[in-house]
Amino acid sequence: MSLLSFFTGPDFKKLYAEGAVIIDVRSVHEYDNGRIPGSFNISQERLPVSLERIKHYNKPVIICGTDSSRINKAVRYLKNNGVKQVYNGGHWEKLLQKIRR
């Protein structure tokens, strides 16, 4: 992590352009009402059964949703279970704006 990214946060547009996987941890109903194109919907509760699949992506993972508590739990879970590059992308609509700039 560079010193600049320490203060500004990750460059989500660059991560996305380089193939990062976006995982939206909202419910299916919430996800169906709007999403980032190409993102995956894996609710925070379903991460354990998807862990090996996520590890096999072998790419940075950006977690988004609407509830910061769920997002933070998902980020912690993945990091604690061996996914090395996991980023908190925050609210999915704000993340979408950042990657489209």
PDB file of N, CA and C in Angstrom:
ATOM      1  N   MET A   1       0.851  -1.169   0.000  1.00  0.00           N
ATOM      2  CA  MET A   1       0.000   0.000   0.000  1.00  0.00           C
ATOM      3  C   MET A   1       0.894   1.228   0.000  1.00  0.00           C
ATOM      4  N   SER A   2       0.639   2.148  -0.911  1.00  0.00           N
ATOM      5  CA  SER A   2       1.440   3.356  -0.963  1.00  0.00           C
ATOM      6  C   SER A   2       0.986   4.323   0.120  1.00  0.00           C
ATOM      7  N   LEU A   3       1.838   5.287   0.418  1.00  0.00           N
ATOM      8  CA  LEU A   3       1.506   6.293   1.423  1.00  0.00           C
ATOM      9  C   LEU A   3       0.269   7.074   0.999  1.00  0.00           C
ATOM     10  N   LEU A   4       0.165   7.399  -0.279  1.00  0.00           N
ATOM     11  CA  LEU A   4      -0.994   8.139  -0.768  1.00  0.00           C
ATOM     12  C   LEU A   4      -2.274   7.342  -0.571  1.00  0.00           C
ATOM     13  N   SER A   5      -2.266   6.045  -0.893  1.00  0.00           N
ATOM     14  CA  SER A   5      -3.478   5.243  -0.731  1.00  0.00           C
ATOM     15  C   SER A   5      -3.818   5.059   0.743  1.00  0.00           C
ATOM     16  N   PHE A   6      -2.820   5.175   1.631  1.00  0.00           N
ATOM     17  CA  PHE A   6      -3.096   5.102   3.064  1.00  0.00           C
ATOM     18  C   PHE A   6      -4.035   6.226   3.461  1.00  0.00           C
ATOM     19  N   PHE A   7      -3.847   7.411   2.873  1.00  0.00           N
ATOM     20  CA  PHE A   7      -4.670   8.566   3.215  1.00  0.00           C
ATOM     21  C   PHE A   7      -5.931   8.692   2.362  1.00  0.00           C
ATOM     22  N   THR A   8      -5.869   8.244   1.116  1.00  0.00           N
ATOM     23  CA  THR A   8      -7.002   8.432   0.210  1.00  0.00           C
ATOM     24  C   THR A   8      -7.828   7.169   0.021  1.00  0.00           C
ATOM     25  N   GLY A   9      -7.301   6.046   0.414  1.00  0.00           N
ATOM     26  CA  GLY A   9      -7.984   4.774   0.185  1.00  0.00           C
ATOM     27  C   GLY A   9      -7.560   4.189  -1.144  1.00  0.00           C
ATOM     28  N   PRO A  10      -7.996   2.968  -1.406  1.00  0.00           N
ATOM     29  CA  PRO A  10      -7.589   2.300  -2.643  1.00  0.00           C
ATOM     30  C   PRO A  10      -8.169   2.987  -3.881  1.00  0.00           C
ATOM     31  N   ASP A  11      -7.494   2.821  -4.986  1.00  0.00           N
ATOM     32  CA  ASP A  11      -7.971   3.332  -6.267  1.00  0.00           C
ATOM     33  C   ASP A  11      -8.903   2.266  -6.863  1.00  0.00           C
ATOM     34  N   PHE A  12     -10.191   2.368  -6.541  1.00  0.00           N
ATOM     35  CA  PHE A  12     -11.143   1.348  -6.954  1.00  0.00           C
ATOM     36  C   PHE A  12     -11.283   1.273  -8.468  1.00  0.00           C
ATOM     37  N   LYS A  13     -11.192   2.392  -9.135  1.00  0.00           N
ATOM     38  CA  LYS A  13     -11.295   2.377 -10.598  1.00  0.00           C
ATOM     39  C   LYS A  13     -10.165   1.541 -11.201  1.00  0.00           C
ATOM     40  N   LYS A  14      -8.962   1.727 -10.683  1.00  0.00           N
ATOM     41  CA  LYS A  14      -7.810   0.970 -11.175  1.00  0.00           C
ATOM     42  C   LYS A  14      -7.954  -0.510 -10.825  1.00  0.00           C
ATOM     43  N   LEU A  15      -8.331  -0.813  -9.591  1.00  0.00           N
ATOM     44  CA  LEU A  15      -8.524  -2.206  -9.188  1.00  0.00           C
ATOM     45  C   LEU A  15      -9.553  -2.891 -10.091  1.00  0.00           C
ATOM     46  N   TYR A  16     -10.652  -2.208 -10.349  1.00  0.00           N
ATOM     47  CA  TYR A  16     -11.726  -2.756 -11.178  1.00  0.00           C
ATOM     48  C   TYR A  16     -11.236  -2.973 -12.613  1.00  0.00           C
ATOM     49  N   ALA A  17     -10.515  -1.990 -13.151  1.00  0.00           N
ATOM     50  CA  ALA A  17      -9.993  -2.093 -14.516  1.00  0.00           C
ATOM     51  C   ALA A  17      -9.002  -3.241 -14.647  1.00  0.00           C
ATOM     52  N   GLU A  18      -8.315  -3.559 -13.562  1.00  0.00           N
ATOM     53  CA  GLU A  18      -7.326  -4.639 -13.578  1.00  0.00           C
ATOM     54  C   GLU A  18      -7.939  -6.000 -13.225  1.00  0.00           C
ATOM     55  N   GLY A  19      -9.265  -6.057 -13.095  1.00  0.00           N
ATOM     56  CA  GLY A  19      -9.920  -7.343 -12.920  1.00  0.00           C
ATOM     57  C   GLY A  19     -10.360  -7.712 -11.525  1.00  0.00           C
ATOM     58  N   ALA A  20     -10.372  -6.764 -10.605  1.00  0.00           N
ATOM     59  CA  ALA A  20     -10.831  -7.071  -9.247  1.00  0.00           C
ATOM     60  C   ALA A  20     -12.257  -7.612  -9.283  1.00  0.00           C
ATOM     61  N   VAL A  21     -12.549  -8.499  -8.358  1.00  0.00           N
ATOM     62  CA  VAL A  21     -13.875  -9.088  -8.223  1.00  0.00           C
ATOM     63  C   VAL A  21     -14.664  -8.236  -7.236  1.00  0.00           C
ATOM     64  N   ILE A  22     -15.885  -7.867  -7.616  1.00  0.00           N
ATOM     65  CA  ILE A  22     -16.747  -7.104  -6.717  1.00  0.00           C
ATOM     66  C   ILE A  22     -17.808  -8.048  -6.166  1.00  0.00           C
ATOM     67  N   ILE A  23     -17.858  -8.125  -4.843  1.00  0.00           N
ATOM     68  CA  ILE A  23     -18.860  -8.944  -4.173  1.00  0.00           C
ATOM     69  C   ILE A  23     -19.781  -8.031  -3.383  1.00  0.00           C
ATOM     70  N   ASP A  24     -21.058  -8.136  -3.682  1.00  0.00           N
ATOM     71  CA  ASP A  24     -22.096  -7.350  -3.017  1.00  0.00           C
ATOM     72  C   ASP A  24     -22.735  -8.243  -1.962  1.00  0.00           C
ATOM     73  N   VAL A  25     -22.684  -7.814  -0.704  1.00  0.00           N
ATOM     74  CA  VAL A  25     -23.143  -8.658   0.398  1.00  0.00           C
ATOM     75  C   VAL A  25     -24.592  -8.384   0.821  1.00  0.00           C
ATOM     76  N   ARG A  26     -25.344  -7.718  -0.024  1.00  0.00           N
ATOM     77  CA  ARG A  26     -26.762  -7.490   0.283  1.00  0.00           C
ATOM     78  C   ARG A  26     -27.579  -8.748   0.015  1.00  0.00           C
ATOM     79  N   SER A  27     -28.847  -8.704   0.421  1.00  0.00           N
ATOM     80  CA  SER A  27     -29.753  -9.819   0.136  1.00  0.00           C
ATOM     81  C   SER A  27     -30.039  -9.872  -1.362  1.00  0.00           C
ATOM     82  N   VAL A  28     -30.542 -10.992  -1.813  1.00  0.00           N
ATOM     83  CA  VAL A  28     -30.886 -11.161  -3.228  1.00  0.00           C
ATOM     84  C   VAL A  28     -31.897 -10.096  -3.657  1.00  0.00           C
ATOM     85  N   HIS A  29     -32.893  -9.852  -2.828  1.00  0.00           N
ATOM     86  CA  HIS A  29     -33.925  -8.859  -3.146  1.00  0.00           C
ATOM     87  C   HIS A  29     -33.305  -7.468  -3.322  1.00  0.00           C
ATOM     88  N   GLU A  30     -32.423  -7.086  -2.412  1.00  0.00           N
ATOM     89  CA  GLU A  30     -31.764  -5.779  -2.514  1.00  0.00           C
ATOM     90  C   GLU A  30     -30.912  -5.715  -3.781  1.00  0.00           C
ATOM     91  N   TYR A  31     -30.178  -6.759  -4.045  1.00  0.00           N
ATOM     92  CA  TYR A  31     -29.289  -6.824  -5.203  1.00  0.00           C
ATOM     93  C   TYR A  31     -30.079  -6.738  -6.506  1.00  0.00           C
ATOM     94  N   ASP A  32     -31.226  -7.402  -6.540  1.00  0.00           N
ATOM     95  CA  ASP A  32     -32.063  -7.381  -7.746  1.00  0.00           C
ATOM     96  C   ASP A  32     -32.622  -5.998  -8.047  1.00  0.00           C
ATOM     97  N   ASN A  33     -32.662  -5.123  -7.054  1.00  0.00           N
ATOM     98  CA  ASN A  33     -33.189  -3.770  -7.255  1.00  0.00           C
ATOM     99  C   ASN A  33     -32.138  -2.786  -7.742  1.00  0.00           C
ATOM    100  N   GLY A  34     -30.913  -3.224  -7.928  1.00  0.00           N
ATOM    101  CA  GLY A  34     -29.842  -2.375  -8.428  1.00  0.00           C
ATOM    102  C   GLY A  34     -28.504  -2.945  -8.033  1.00  0.00           C
ATOM    103  N   ARG A  35     -27.546  -2.907  -8.973  1.00  0.00           N
ATOM    104  CA  ARG A  35     -26.252  -3.532  -8.715  1.00  0.00           C
ATOM    105  C   ARG A  35     -25.186  -2.959  -9.630  1.00  0.00           C
ATOM    106  N   ILE A  36     -23.955  -3.294  -9.318  1.00  0.00           N
ATOM    107  CA  ILE A  36     -22.830  -2.958 -10.180  1.00  0.00           C
ATOM    108  C   ILE A  36     -22.729  -4.053 -11.237  1.00  0.00           C
ATOM    109  N   PRO A  37     -22.765  -3.686 -12.516  1.00  0.00           N
ATOM    110  CA  PRO A  37     -22.650  -4.703 -13.562  1.00  0.00           C
ATOM    111  C   PRO A  37     -21.393  -5.558 -13.365  1.00  0.00           C
ATOM    112  N   GLY A  38     -21.564  -6.856 -13.459  1.00  0.00           N
ATOM    113  CA  GLY A  38     -20.455  -7.779 -13.311  1.00  0.00           C
ATOM    114  C   GLY A  38     -20.139  -8.181 -11.884  1.00  0.00           C
ATOM    115  N   SER A  39     -20.848  -7.586 -10.931  1.00  0.00           N
ATOM    116  CA  SER A  39     -20.602  -7.950  -9.528  1.00  0.00           C
ATOM    117  C   SER A  39     -21.276  -9.272  -9.205  1.00  0.00           C
ATOM    118  N   PHE A  40     -20.834  -9.877  -8.113  1.00  0.00           N
ATOM    119  CA  PHE A  40     -21.430 -11.122  -7.625  1.00  0.00           C
ATOM    120  C   PHE A  40     -22.212 -10.825  -6.358  1.00  0.00           C
ATOM    121  N   ASN A  41     -23.348 -11.453  -6.217  1.00  0.00           N
ATOM    122  CA  ASN A  41     -24.149 -11.294  -5.002  1.00  0.00           C
ATOM    123  C   ASN A  41     -23.918 -12.504  -4.106  1.00  0.00           C
ATOM    124  N   ILE A  42     -23.182 -12.284  -3.028  1.00  0.00           N
ATOM    125  CA  ILE A  42     -22.960 -13.320  -2.018  1.00  0.00           C
ATOM    126  C   ILE A  42     -23.241 -12.661  -0.681  1.00  0.00           C
ATOM    127  N   SER A  43     -24.384 -12.968  -0.100  1.00  0.00           N
ATOM    128  CA  SER A  43     -24.723 -12.338   1.178  1.00  0.00           C
ATOM    129  C   SER A  43     -23.659 -12.675   2.206  1.00  0.00           C
ATOM    130  N   GLN A  44     -23.508 -11.802   3.177  1.00  0.00           N
ATOM    131  CA  GLN A  44     -22.482 -11.964   4.208  1.00  0.00           C
ATOM    132  C   GLN A  44     -22.603 -13.327   4.886  1.00  0.00           C
ATOM    133  N   GLU A  45     -23.820 -13.800   5.076  1.00  0.00           N
ATOM    134  CA  GLU A  45     -24.054 -15.088   5.727  1.00  0.00           C
ATOM    135  C   GLU A  45     -23.595 -16.273   4.868  1.00  0.00           C
ATOM    136  N   ARG A  46     -23.522 -16.100   3.539  1.00  0.00           N
ATOM    137  CA  ARG A  46     -23.155 -17.192   2.620  1.00  0.00           C
ATOM    138  C   ARG A  46     -21.668 -17.213   2.271  1.00  0.00           C
ATOM    139  N   LEU A  47     -20.912 -16.290   2.830  1.00  0.00           N
ATOM    140  CA  LEU A  47     -19.481 -16.259   2.527  1.00  0.00           C
ATOM    141  C   LEU A  47     -18.758 -17.555   2.881  1.00  0.00           C
ATOM    142  N   PRO A  48     -19.073 -18.195   4.027  1.00  0.00           N
ATOM    143  CA  PRO A  48     -18.349 -19.439   4.338  1.00  0.00           C
ATOM    144  C   PRO A  48     -18.479 -20.517   3.259  1.00  0.00           C
ATOM    145  N   VAL A  49     -19.651 -20.664   2.649  1.00  0.00           N
ATOM    146  CA  VAL A  49     -19.801 -21.698   1.623  1.00  0.00           C
ATOM    147  C   VAL A  49     -19.202 -21.260   0.285  1.00  0.00           C
ATOM    148  N   SER A  50     -18.883 -19.984   0.153  1.00  0.00           N
ATOM    149  CA  SER A  50     -18.290 -19.462  -1.084  1.00  0.00           C
ATOM    150  C   SER A  50     -16.798 -19.170  -0.946  1.00  0.00           C
ATOM    151  N   LEU A  51     -16.247 -19.414   0.222  1.00  0.00           N
ATOM    152  CA  LEU A  51     -14.863 -19.035   0.507  1.00  0.00           C
ATOM    153  C   LEU A  51     -13.873 -19.631  -0.490  1.00  0.00           C
ATOM    154  N   GLU A  52     -13.953 -20.915  -0.749  1.00  0.00           N
ATOM    155  CA  GLU A  52     -12.988 -21.537  -1.666  1.00  0.00           C
ATOM    156  C   GLU A  52     -13.108 -20.971  -3.073  1.00  0.00           C
ATOM    157  N   ARG A  53     -14.327 -20.726  -3.516  1.00  0.00           N
ATOM    158  CA  ARG A  53     -14.531 -20.125  -4.843  1.00  0.00           C
ATOM    159  C   ARG A  53     -13.893 -18.736  -4.891  1.00  0.00           C
ATOM    160  N   ILE A  54     -14.075 -17.950  -3.843  1.00  0.00           N
ATOM    161  CA  ILE A  54     -13.501 -16.605  -3.791  1.00  0.00           C
ATOM    162  C   ILE A  54     -11.982 -16.678  -3.811  1.00  0.00           C
ATOM    163  N   LYS A  55     -11.408 -17.610  -3.063  1.00  0.00           N
ATOM    164  CA  LYS A  55      -9.951 -17.767  -3.060  1.00  0.00           C
ATOM    165  C   LYS A  55      -9.439 -18.142  -4.443  1.00  0.00           C
ATOM    166  N   HIS A  56     -10.192 -18.953  -5.170  1.00  0.00           N
ATOM    167  CA  HIS A  56      -9.757 -19.401  -6.500  1.00  0.00           C
ATOM    168  C   HIS A  56      -9.830 -18.300  -7.555  1.00  0.00           C
ATOM    169  N   TYR A  57     -10.534 -17.208  -7.274  1.00  0.00           N
ATOM    170  CA  TYR A  57     -10.513 -16.084  -8.215  1.00  0.00           C
ATOM    171  C   TYR A  57      -9.079 -15.581  -8.355  1.00  0.00           C
ATOM    172  N   ASN A  58      -8.320 -15.656  -7.246  1.00  0.00           N
ATOM    173  CA  ASN A  58      -6.933 -15.212  -7.233  1.00  0.00           C
ATOM    174  C   ASN A  58      -6.797 -13.779  -7.762  1.00  0.00           C
ATOM    175  N   LYS A  59      -7.730 -12.933  -7.332  1.00  0.00           N
ATOM    176  CA  LYS A  59      -7.751 -11.525  -7.720  1.00  0.00           C
ATOM    177  C   LYS A  59      -8.131 -10.703  -6.498  1.00  0.00           C
ATOM    178  N   PRO A  60      -7.844  -9.401  -6.535  1.00  0.00           N
ATOM    179  CA  PRO A  60      -8.321  -8.554  -5.448  1.00  0.00           C
ATOM    180  C   PRO A  60      -9.852  -8.626  -5.371  1.00  0.00           C
ATOM    181  N   VAL A  61     -10.372  -8.500  -4.155  1.00  0.00           N
ATOM    182  CA  VAL A  61     -11.814  -8.573  -3.925  1.00  0.00           C
ATOM    183  C   VAL A  61     -12.260  -7.263  -3.291  1.00  0.00           C
ATOM    184  N   ILE A  62     -13.296  -6.665  -3.866  1.00  0.00           N
ATOM    185  CA  ILE A  62     -13.897  -5.443  -3.326  1.00  0.00           C
ATOM    186  C   ILE A  62     -15.278  -5.820  -2.803  1.00  0.00           C
ATOM    187  N   ILE A  63     -15.511  -5.538  -1.526  1.00  0.00           N
ATOM    188  CA  ILE A  63     -16.794  -5.837  -0.901  1.00  0.00           C
ATOM    189  C   ILE A  63     -17.625  -4.566  -0.860  1.00  0.00           C
ATOM    190  N   CYS A  64     -18.891  -4.680  -1.261  1.00  0.00           N
ATOM    191  CA  CYS A  64     -19.785  -3.534  -1.191  1.00  0.00           C
ATOM    192  C   CYS A  64     -21.164  -3.981  -0.721  1.00  0.00           C
ATOM    193  N   GLY A  65     -22.043  -3.041  -0.520  1.00  0.00           N
ATOM    194  CA  GLY A  65     -23.408  -3.308  -0.076  1.00  0.00           C
ATOM    195  C   GLY A  65     -24.070  -2.003   0.302  1.00  0.00           C
ATOM    196  N   THR A  66     -24.892  -2.043   1.336  1.00  0.00           N
ATOM    197  CA  THR A  66     -25.503  -0.817   1.862  1.00  0.00           C
ATOM    198  C   THR A  66     -25.287  -0.686   3.357  1.00  0.00           C
ATOM    199  N   ASP A  67     -25.017  -1.778   4.016  1.00  0.00           N
ATOM    200  CA  ASP A  67     -24.883  -1.810   5.471  1.00  0.00           C
ATOM    201  C   ASP A  67     -23.406  -1.944   5.837  1.00  0.00           C
ATOM    202  N   SER A  68     -22.840  -0.896   6.434  1.00  0.00           N
ATOM    203  CA  SER A  68     -21.399  -0.924   6.731  1.00  0.00           C
ATOM    204  C   SER A  68     -21.033  -2.047   7.696  1.00  0.00           C
ATOM    205  N   SER A  69     -21.926  -2.430   8.563  1.00  0.00           N
ATOM    206  CA  SER A  69     -21.656  -3.526   9.486  1.00  0.00           C
ATOM    207  C   SER A  69     -21.464  -4.842   8.723  1.00  0.00           C
ATOM    208  N   ARG A  70     -22.358  -5.126   7.773  1.00  0.00           N
ATOM    209  CA  ARG A  70     -22.232  -6.347   6.965  1.00  0.00           C
ATOM    210  C   ARG A  70     -20.970  -6.321   6.120  1.00  0.00           C
ATOM    211  N   ILE A  71     -20.681  -5.157   5.543  1.00  0.00           N
ATOM    212  CA  ILE A  71     -19.492  -5.020   4.705  1.00  0.00           C
ATOM    213  C   ILE A  71     -18.236  -5.278   5.539  1.00  0.00           C
ATOM    214  N   ASN A  72     -18.152  -4.637   6.707  1.00  0.00           N
ATOM    215  CA  ASN A  72     -16.987  -4.807   7.577  1.00  0.00           C
ATOM    216  C   ASN A  72     -16.827  -6.253   8.028  1.00  0.00           C
ATOM    217  N   LYS A  73     -17.928  -6.918   8.366  1.00  0.00           N
ATOM    218  CA  LYS A  73     -17.865  -8.321   8.766  1.00  0.00           C
ATOM    219  C   LYS A  73     -17.348  -9.188   7.624  1.00  0.00           C
ATOM    220  N   ALA A  74     -17.818  -8.914   6.421  1.00  0.00           N
ATOM    221  CA  ALA A  74     -17.387  -9.692   5.260  1.00  0.00           C
ATOM    222  C   ALA A  74     -15.901  -9.490   4.987  1.00  0.00           C
ATOM    223  N   VAL A  75     -15.437  -8.256   5.060  1.00  0.00           N
ATOM    224  CA  VAL A  75     -14.020  -7.957   4.839  1.00  0.00           C
ATOM    225  C   VAL A  75     -13.177  -8.688   5.878  1.00  0.00           C
ATOM    226  N   ARG A  76     -13.549  -8.578   7.142  1.00  0.00           N
ATOM    227  CA  ARG A  76     -12.808  -9.260   8.213  1.00  0.00           C
ATOM    228  C   ARG A  76     -12.801 -10.768   8.018  1.00  0.00           C
ATOM    229  N   TYR A  77     -13.967 -11.325   7.682  1.00  0.00           N
ATOM    230  CA  TYR A  77     -14.060 -12.778   7.496  1.00  0.00           C
ATOM    231  C   TYR A  77     -13.110 -13.242   6.396  1.00  0.00           C
ATOM    232  N   LEU A  78     -13.139 -12.570   5.259  1.00  0.00           N
ATOM    233  CA  LEU A  78     -12.291 -12.990   4.142  1.00  0.00           C
ATOM    234  C   LEU A  78     -10.811 -12.841   4.476  1.00  0.00           C
ATOM    235  N   LYS A  79     -10.439 -11.723   5.098  1.00  0.00           N
ATOM    236  CA  LYS A  79      -9.041 -11.529   5.475  1.00  0.00           C
ATOM    237  C   LYS A  79      -8.594 -12.583   6.481  1.00  0.00           C
ATOM    238  N   ASN A  80      -9.448 -12.865   7.452  1.00  0.00           N
ATOM    239  CA  ASN A  80      -9.104 -13.847   8.482  1.00  0.00           C
ATOM    240  C   ASN A  80      -9.048 -15.271   7.940  1.00  0.00           C
ATOM    241  N   ASN A  81      -9.594 -15.484   6.747  1.00  0.00           N
ATOM    242  CA  ASN A  81      -9.619 -16.823   6.163  1.00  0.00           C
ATOM    243  C   ASN A  81      -8.772 -16.930   4.901  1.00  0.00           C
ATOM    244  N   GLY A  82      -7.755 -16.085   4.809  1.00  0.00           N
ATOM    245  CA  GLY A  82      -6.731 -16.272   3.794  1.00  0.00           C
ATOM    246  C   GLY A  82      -6.886 -15.539   2.482  1.00  0.00           C
ATOM    247  N   VAL A  83      -7.898 -14.689   2.336  1.00  0.00           N
ATOM    248  CA  VAL A  83      -8.005 -13.888   1.115  1.00  0.00           C
ATOM    249  C   VAL A  83      -7.140 -12.647   1.355  1.00  0.00           C
ATOM    250  N   LYS A  84      -6.097 -12.500   0.574  1.00  0.00           N
ATOM    251  CA  LYS A  84      -5.073 -11.503   0.869  1.00  0.00           C
ATOM    252  C   LYS A  84      -5.455 -10.071   0.510  1.00  0.00           C
ATOM    253  N   GLN A  85      -6.025  -9.858  -0.645  1.00  0.00           N
ATOM    254  CA  GLN A  85      -6.361  -8.497  -1.079  1.00  0.00           C
ATOM    255  C   GLN A  85      -7.871  -8.299  -1.028  1.00  0.00           C
ATOM    256  N   VAL A  86      -8.348  -7.793   0.097  1.00  0.00           N
ATOM    257  CA  VAL A  86      -9.773  -7.540   0.287  1.00  0.00           C
ATOM    258  C   VAL A  86      -9.932  -6.070   0.638  1.00  0.00           C
ATOM    259  N   TYR A  87     -10.865  -5.401  -0.044  1.00  0.00           N
ATOM    260  CA  TYR A  87     -11.057  -3.972   0.152  1.00  0.00           C
ATOM    261  C   TYR A  87     -12.515  -3.679   0.488  1.00  0.00           C
ATOM    262  N   ASN A  88     -12.716  -2.733   1.377  1.00  0.00           N
ATOM    263  CA  ASN A  88     -14.051  -2.261   1.722  1.00  0.00           C
ATOM    264  C   ASN A  88     -14.434  -1.192   0.714  1.00  0.00           C
ATOM    265  N   GLY A  89     -15.354  -1.543  -0.199  1.00  0.00           N
ATOM    266  CA  GLY A  89     -15.792  -0.604  -1.224  1.00  0.00           C
ATOM    267  C   GLY A  89     -16.927   0.292  -0.783  1.00  0.00           C
ATOM    268  N   GLY A  90     -17.501   0.027   0.396  1.00  0.00           N
ATOM    269  CA  GLY A  90     -18.582   0.866   0.907  1.00  0.00           C
ATOM    270  C   GLY A  90     -19.892   0.639   0.176  1.00  0.00           C
ATOM    271  N   HIS A  91     -20.704   1.676   0.173  1.00  0.00           N
ATOM    272  CA  HIS A  91     -22.031   1.611  -0.448  1.00  0.00           C
ATOM    273  C   HIS A  91     -21.892   1.341  -1.939  1.00  0.00           C
ATOM    274  N   TRP A  92     -22.670   0.413  -2.441  1.00  0.00           N
ATOM    275  CA  TRP A  92     -22.518  -0.027  -3.834  1.00  0.00           C
ATOM    276  C   TRP A  92     -22.719   1.112  -4.825  1.00  0.00           C
ATOM    277  N   GLU A  93     -23.639   2.045  -4.554  1.00  0.00           N
ATOM    278  CA  GLU A  93     -23.871   3.140  -5.508  1.00  0.00           C
ATOM    279  C   GLU A  93     -22.681   4.100  -5.557  1.00  0.00           C
ATOM    280  N   LYS A  94     -22.065   4.359  -4.417  1.00  0.00           N
ATOM    281  CA  LYS A  94     -20.881   5.221  -4.391  1.00  0.00           C
ATOM    282  C   LYS A  94     -19.701   4.529  -5.055  1.00  0.00           C
ATOM    283  N   LEU A  95     -19.586   3.223  -4.845  1.00  0.00           N
ATOM    284  CA  LEU A  95     -18.521   2.461  -5.508  1.00  0.00           C
ATOM    285  C   LEU A  95     -18.714   2.497  -7.021  1.00  0.00           C
ATOM    286  N   LEU A  96     -19.938   2.347  -7.472  1.00  0.00           N
ATOM    287  CA  LEU A  96     -20.225   2.406  -8.907  1.00  0.00           C
ATOM    288  C   LEU A  96     -19.785   3.748  -9.484  1.00  0.00           C
ATOM    289  N   GLN A  97     -20.051   4.842  -8.788  1.00  0.00           N
ATOM    290  CA  GLN A  97     -19.608   6.170  -9.244  1.00  0.00           C
ATOM    291  C   GLN A  97     -18.090   6.240  -9.333  1.00  0.00           C
ATOM    292  N   LYS A  98     -17.411   5.643  -8.349  1.00  0.00           N
ATOM    293  CA  LYS A  98     -15.938   5.703  -8.331  1.00  0.00           C
ATOM    294  C   LYS A  98     -15.332   4.920  -9.488  1.00  0.00           C
ATOM    295  N   ILE A  99     -15.913   3.781  -9.825  1.00  0.00           N
ATOM    296  CA  ILE A  99     -15.298   2.977 -10.893  1.00  0.00           C
ATOM    297  C   ILE A  99     -15.685   3.478 -12.286  1.00  0.00           C
ATOM    298  N   ARG A 100     -16.713   4.295 -12.368  1.00  0.00           N
ATOM    299  CA  ARG A 100     -17.132   4.830 -13.678  1.00  0.00           C
ATOM    300  C   ARG A 100     -16.495   6.168 -14.020  1.00  0.00           C
ATOM    301  N   ARG A 101     -15.849   6.815 -13.072  1.00  0.00           N
ATOM    302  CA  ARG A 101     -15.248   8.128 -13.327  1.00  0.00           C
ATOM    303  C   ARG A 101     -14.277   8.095 -14.444  1.00  0.00           C
TER     304      ARG A 101
END
